[in-house]
Amino acid sequence: MAIKKKTPTKAKSGGKAPAARKKTAVKKPAARKKGALPKTIRKKAPFKGADAKADAPAENPRAKALAHKAAKLLADKKATDVLVLDVRGKTSYADYIVLASGESDRQVSAMAENVHLKLKEEDSLRPTGTEGTETGQWVLLDYSEVVVHLFLGEVRAFYDLEGLWADAPREKLT
């Protein structure tokens, strides 16, 4: 038994076959090097010449003064290795980070209490958050633009925040 081949049916409207479509030439993408980005994604590296200071974040004198005042208050309580890190443009949550170490958990707690009380009395500033005051191994005082980290010596070496912010400009005060 032979299979009959079907013939295409003509369109019902007027008996004409549909118009043939034009074939358009499709451009092939230009060959690119392996790993290279397309031109639409590729960006030029920013120029770091004479205008490098124009891209620097704006100076915040109030935050800088607060950071230095906190560092001075820590030095009054015999804190060691007091360091002010300028993290403007590197982080969104603060402009300055103050780091200091104490010899015992009682000293770390006393340093935190001194900074808290003096800034409250003299400048009417209260921290937006505090952490670690109960244990005294790592105390954090958050004054929005300035974050103060107070450590027990071994804890500071373990967490190494200076290494985390190695590219930030720093001032050592004691």
C-alpha atoms as a PDB file:
ATOM      1  CA  MET A   1       0.000   0.000   0.000  1.00  0.00           C
ATOM      2  CA  ALA A   2       1.443   3.298  -1.050  1.00  0.00           C
ATOM      3  CA  ILE A   3       1.250   6.448   1.036  1.00  0.00           C
ATOM      4  CA  LYS A   4      -0.214   9.380  -0.729  1.00  0.00           C
ATOM      5  CA  LYS A   5       1.743  12.614  -0.434  1.00  0.00           C
ATOM      6  CA  LYS A   6      -0.286  15.600   0.718  1.00  0.00           C
ATOM      7  CA  THR A   7      -0.190  18.673  -1.418  1.00  0.00           C
ATOM      8  CA  PRO A   8      -0.214  22.112   0.157  1.00  0.00           C
ATOM      9  CA  THR A   9      -3.594  23.746   0.278  1.00  0.00           C
ATOM     10  CA  LYS A  10      -4.125  27.128  -1.219  1.00  0.00           C
ATOM     11  CA  ALA A  11      -5.263  30.091   0.850  1.00  0.00           C
ATOM     12  CA  LYS A  12      -9.014  30.468   0.922  1.00  0.00           C
ATOM     13  CA  SER A  13      -9.027  34.140   0.060  1.00  0.00           C
ATOM     14  CA  GLY A  14      -8.843  34.439  -3.682  1.00  0.00           C
ATOM     15  CA  GLY A  15      -6.870  31.258  -4.215  1.00  0.00           C
ATOM     16  CA  LYS A  16      -3.491  33.010  -4.009  1.00  0.00           C
ATOM     17  CA  ALA A  17      -0.484  31.685  -2.117  1.00  0.00           C
ATOM     18  CA  PRO A  18       0.869  33.882   0.695  1.00  0.00           C
ATOM     19  CA  ALA A  19       3.574  36.347  -0.325  1.00  0.00           C
ATOM     20  CA  ALA A  20       7.117  35.144   0.143  1.00  0.00           C
ATOM     21  CA  ARG A  21       9.011  36.785   2.976  1.00  0.00           C
ATOM     22  CA  LYS A  22      12.117  38.772   2.277  1.00  0.00           C
ATOM     23  CA  LYS A  23      15.240  37.390   3.794  1.00  0.00           C
ATOM     24  CA  THR A  24      17.236  39.992   5.684  1.00  0.00           C
ATOM     25  CA  ALA A  25      20.936  39.661   6.193  1.00  0.00           C
ATOM     26  CA  VAL A  26      21.823  38.970   9.810  1.00  0.00           C
ATOM     27  CA  LYS A  27      25.059  40.566  10.961  1.00  0.00           C
ATOM     28  CA  LYS A  28      27.338  38.280  12.843  1.00  0.00           C
ATOM     29  CA  PRO A  29      28.967  39.801  15.930  1.00  0.00           C
ATOM     30  CA  ALA A  30      32.608  40.669  15.451  1.00  0.00           C
ATOM     31  CA  ALA A  31      34.985  38.142  16.884  1.00  0.00           C
ATOM     32  CA  ARG A  32      36.400  39.222  20.231  1.00  0.00           C
ATOM     33  CA  LYS A  33      39.222  38.084  22.378  1.00  0.00           C
ATOM     34  CA  LYS A  34      38.518  35.461  24.969  1.00  0.00           C
ATOM     35  CA  GLY A  35      37.482  37.077  28.250  1.00  0.00           C
ATOM     36  CA  ALA A  36      37.023  40.553  26.715  1.00  0.00           C
ATOM     37  CA  LEU A  37      33.838  42.448  27.508  1.00  0.00           C
ATOM     38  CA  PRO A  38      31.573  43.745  24.745  1.00  0.00           C
ATOM     39  CA  LYS A  39      31.962  47.444  23.949  1.00  0.00           C
ATOM     40  CA  THR A  40      28.610  48.219  25.526  1.00  0.00           C
ATOM     41  CA  ILE A  41      29.811  46.906  28.907  1.00  0.00           C
ATOM     42  CA  ARG A  42      33.466  47.896  28.820  1.00  0.00           C
ATOM     43  CA  LYS A  43      34.232  51.040  30.812  1.00  0.00           C
ATOM     44  CA  LYS A  44      37.287  53.189  30.877  1.00  0.00           C
ATOM     45  CA  ALA A  45      39.260  53.293  34.102  1.00  0.00           C
ATOM     46  CA  PRO A  46      38.902  56.644  35.872  1.00  0.00           C
ATOM     47  CA  PHE A  47      41.754  59.065  35.401  1.00  0.00           C
ATOM     48  CA  LYS A  48      43.775  59.429  38.614  1.00  0.00           C
ATOM     49  CA  GLY A  49      45.833  62.436  37.576  1.00  0.00           C
ATOM     50  CA  ALA A  50      45.541  66.039  38.711  1.00  0.00           C
ATOM     51  CA  ASP A  51      41.803  65.774  39.470  1.00  0.00           C
ATOM     52  CA  ALA A  52      42.147  62.893  41.940  1.00  0.00           C
ATOM     53  CA  LYS A  53      41.192  65.213  44.826  1.00  0.00           C
ATOM     54  CA  ALA A  54      37.910  66.105  43.078  1.00  0.00           C
ATOM     55  CA  ASP A  55      36.681  62.517  43.557  1.00  0.00           C
ATOM     56  CA  ALA A  56      37.611  62.459  47.254  1.00  0.00           C
ATOM     57  CA  PRO A  57      34.677  62.519  49.685  1.00  0.00           C
ATOM     58  CA  ALA A  58      33.787  65.814  51.274  1.00  0.00           C
ATOM     59  CA  GLU A  59      35.473  66.730  54.540  1.00  0.00           C
ATOM     60  CA  ASN A  60      33.248  66.425  57.619  1.00  0.00           C
ATOM     61  CA  PRO A  61      34.804  68.694  60.280  1.00  0.00           C
ATOM     62  CA  ARG A  62      32.161  67.890  62.921  1.00  0.00           C
ATOM     63  CA  ALA A  63      32.795  64.140  62.648  1.00  0.00           C
ATOM     64  CA  LYS A  64      36.564  64.654  62.621  1.00  0.00           C
ATOM     65  CA  ALA A  65      36.373  66.769  65.772  1.00  0.00           C
ATOM     66  CA  LEU A  66      34.169  64.159  67.456  1.00  0.00           C
ATOM     67  CA  ALA A  67      36.590  61.357  66.548  1.00  0.00           C
ATOM     68  CA  HIS A  68      39.549  63.289  67.956  1.00  0.00           C
ATOM     69  CA  LYS A  69      37.632  64.209  71.104  1.00  0.00           C
ATOM     70  CA  ALA A  70      36.700  60.554  71.683  1.00  0.00           C
ATOM     71  CA  ALA A  71      40.352  59.588  71.149  1.00  0.00           C
ATOM     72  CA  LYS A  72      41.462  62.211  73.711  1.00  0.00           C
ATOM     73  CA  LEU A  73      38.894  60.946  76.221  1.00  0.00           C
ATOM     74  CA  LEU A  74      40.226  57.417  75.722  1.00  0.00           C
ATOM     75  CA  ALA A  75      43.785  58.605  76.286  1.00  0.00           C
ATOM     76  CA  ASP A  76      42.612  60.192  79.567  1.00  0.00           C
ATOM     77  CA  LYS A  77      41.690  56.680  80.754  1.00  0.00           C
ATOM     78  CA  LYS A  78      45.124  55.291  79.792  1.00  0.00           C
ATOM     79  CA  ALA A  79      44.000  53.557  76.587  1.00  0.00           C
ATOM     80  CA  THR A  80      46.805  52.122  74.455  1.00  0.00           C
ATOM     81  CA  ASP A  81      47.235  52.179  70.677  1.00  0.00           C
ATOM     82  CA  VAL A  82      44.549  54.821  70.063  1.00  0.00           C
ATOM     83  CA  LEU A  83      43.999  55.067  66.333  1.00  0.00           C
ATOM     84  CA  VAL A  84      41.625  57.208  64.238  1.00  0.00           C
ATOM     85  CA  LEU A  85      40.789  55.776  60.802  1.00  0.00           C
ATOM     86  CA  ASP A  86      39.343  57.996  58.079  1.00  0.00           C
ATOM     87  CA  VAL A  87      36.861  55.757  56.243  1.00  0.00           C
ATOM     88  CA  ARG A  88      35.021  58.480  54.310  1.00  0.00           C
ATOM     89  CA  GLY A  89      34.056  57.099  50.911  1.00  0.00           C
ATOM     90  CA  LYS A  90      34.985  53.550  51.931  1.00  0.00           C
ATOM     91  CA  THR A  91      31.931  52.755  54.044  1.00  0.00           C
ATOM     92  CA  SER A  92      28.384  54.057  54.207  1.00  0.00           C
ATOM     93  CA  TYR A  93      27.837  53.860  57.949  1.00  0.00           C
ATOM     94  CA  ALA A  94      30.568  56.145  59.322  1.00  0.00           C
ATOM     95  CA  ASP A  95      33.179  58.737  58.397  1.00  0.00           C
ATOM     96  CA  TYR A  96      35.674  57.892  61.149  1.00  0.00           C
ATOM     97  CA  ILE A  97      36.462  54.821  63.210  1.00  0.00           C
ATOM     98  CA  VAL A  98      38.300  55.140  66.526  1.00  0.00           C
ATOM     99  CA  LEU A  99      40.160  52.065  67.827  1.00  0.00           C
ATOM    100  CA  ALA A 100      41.710  51.699  71.285  1.00  0.00           C
ATOM    101  CA  SER A 101      42.919  48.921  73.560  1.00  0.00           C
ATOM    102  CA  GLY A 102      42.758  48.344  77.281  1.00  0.00           C
ATOM    103  CA  GLU A 103      44.698  46.078  79.628  1.00  0.00           C
ATOM    104  CA  SER A 104      41.652  44.536  81.357  1.00  0.00           C
ATOM    105  CA  ASP A 105      37.936  44.202  80.828  1.00  0.00           C
ATOM    106  CA  ARG A 106      37.337  46.692  83.653  1.00  0.00           C
ATOM    107  CA  GLN A 107      39.559  49.257  81.962  1.00  0.00           C
ATOM    108  CA  VAL A 108      37.752  48.774  78.631  1.00  0.00           C
ATOM    109  CA  SER A 109      34.387  49.263  80.358  1.00  0.00           C
ATOM    110  CA  ALA A 110      35.714  52.361  82.167  1.00  0.00           C
ATOM    111  CA  MET A 111      36.982  53.828  78.887  1.00  0.00           C
ATOM    112  CA  ALA A 112      33.569  53.290  77.276  1.00  0.00           C
ATOM    113  CA  GLU A 113      31.764  54.838  80.233  1.00  0.00           C
ATOM    114  CA  ASN A 114      34.113  57.850  80.217  1.00  0.00           C
ATOM    115  CA  VAL A 115      33.507  58.542  76.513  1.00  0.00           C
ATOM    116  CA  HIS A 116      29.757  58.044  76.905  1.00  0.00           C
ATOM    117  CA  LEU A 117      29.407  60.343  79.946  1.00  0.00           C
ATOM    118  CA  LYS A 118      31.724  63.140  78.749  1.00  0.00           C
ATOM    119  CA  LEU A 119      30.133  63.365  75.294  1.00  0.00           C
ATOM    120  CA  LYS A 120      26.696  63.363  76.920  1.00  0.00           C
ATOM    121  CA  GLU A 121      27.609  66.111  79.440  1.00  0.00           C
ATOM    122  CA  GLU A 122      29.754  68.373  77.278  1.00  0.00           C
ATOM    123  CA  ASP A 123      28.221  67.968  73.809  1.00  0.00           C
ATOM    124  CA  SER A 124      24.747  66.530  74.565  1.00  0.00           C
ATOM    125  CA  LEU A 125      25.582  63.558  72.346  1.00  0.00           C
ATOM    126  CA  ARG A 126      24.159  60.113  72.926  1.00  0.00           C
ATOM    127  CA  PRO A 127      25.239  57.053  70.993  1.00  0.00           C
ATOM    128  CA  THR A 128      22.730  55.604  68.560  1.00  0.00           C
ATOM    129  CA  GLY A 129      23.866  52.172  69.708  1.00  0.00           C
ATOM    130  CA  THR A 130      26.183  50.451  72.179  1.00  0.00           C
ATOM    131  CA  GLU A 131      27.352  46.855  72.324  1.00  0.00           C
ATOM    132  CA  GLY A 132      29.547  44.821  74.654  1.00  0.00           C
ATOM    133  CA  THR A 133      29.504  47.008  77.756  1.00  0.00           C
ATOM    134  CA  GLU A 134      28.571  44.009  79.921  1.00  0.00           C
ATOM    135  CA  THR A 135      31.592  41.864  79.047  1.00  0.00           C
ATOM    136  CA  GLY A 136      34.197  44.556  78.429  1.00  0.00           C
ATOM    137  CA  GLN A 137      36.156  42.580  75.844  1.00  0.00           C
ATOM    138  CA  TRP A 138      34.941  44.493  72.787  1.00  0.00           C
ATOM    139  CA  VAL A 139      32.806  47.587  73.329  1.00  0.00           C
ATOM    140  CA  LEU A 140      31.281  49.465  70.421  1.00  0.00           C
ATOM    141  CA  LEU A 141      29.912  52.994  70.725  1.00  0.00           C
ATOM    142  CA  ASP A 142      28.077  54.192  67.606  1.00  0.00           C
ATOM    143  CA  TYR A 143      27.773  57.968  67.219  1.00  0.00           C
ATOM    144  CA  SER A 144      26.513  57.699  63.584  1.00  0.00           C
ATOM    145  CA  GLU A 145      29.391  59.500  61.851  1.00  0.00           C
ATOM    146  CA  VAL A 146      31.958  58.113  64.302  1.00  0.00           C
ATOM    147  CA  VAL A 147      32.155  54.537  65.566  1.00  0.00           C
ATOM    148  CA  VAL A 148      34.361  53.829  68.590  1.00  0.00           C
ATOM    149  CA  HIS A 149      35.747  50.293  69.068  1.00  0.00           C
ATOM    150  CA  LEU A 150      37.338  49.503  72.424  1.00  0.00           C
ATOM    151  CA  PHE A 151      39.146  46.194  72.759  1.00  0.00           C
ATOM    152  CA  LEU A 152      40.891  43.995  75.222  1.00  0.00           C
ATOM    153  CA  GLY A 153      44.424  43.590  73.806  1.00  0.00           C
ATOM    154  CA  GLU A 154      44.109  39.957  72.659  1.00  0.00           C
ATOM    155  CA  VAL A 155      40.661  40.535  71.144  1.00  0.00           C
ATOM    156  CA  ARG A 156      41.952  43.473  69.099  1.00  0.00           C
ATOM    157  CA  ALA A 157      44.793  41.367  67.734  1.00  0.00           C
ATOM    158  CA  PHE A 158      42.377  38.557  66.861  1.00  0.00           C
ATOM    159  CA  TYR A 159      39.861  40.676  64.917  1.00  0.00           C
ATOM    160  CA  ASP A 160      42.516  42.964  63.346  1.00  0.00           C
ATOM    161  CA  LEU A 161      40.284  45.842  62.261  1.00  0.00           C
ATOM    162  CA  GLU A 162      43.389  47.804  61.287  1.00  0.00           C
ATOM    163  CA  GLY A 163      44.111  45.117  58.700  1.00  0.00           C
ATOM    164  CA  LEU A 164      40.528  45.251  57.454  1.00  0.00           C
ATOM    165  CA  TRP A 165      40.859  49.005  56.901  1.00  0.00           C
ATOM    166  CA  ALA A 166      44.507  48.871  55.764  1.00  0.00           C
ATOM    167  CA  ASP A 167      43.895  51.306  52.896  1.00  0.00           C
ATOM    168  CA  ALA A 168      42.232  53.947  55.115  1.00  0.00           C
ATOM    169  CA  PRO A 169      44.243  57.004  56.174  1.00  0.00           C
ATOM    170  CA  ARG A 170      45.061  56.823  59.885  1.00  0.00           C
ATOM    171  CA  GLU A 171      46.242  58.937  62.769  1.00  0.00           C
ATOM    172  CA  LYS A 172      47.924  57.319  65.738  1.00  0.00           C
ATOM    173  CA  LEU A 173      47.356  59.369  68.889  1.00  0.00           C
ATOM    174  CA  THR A 174      49.166  57.416  71.605  1.00  0.00           C
END
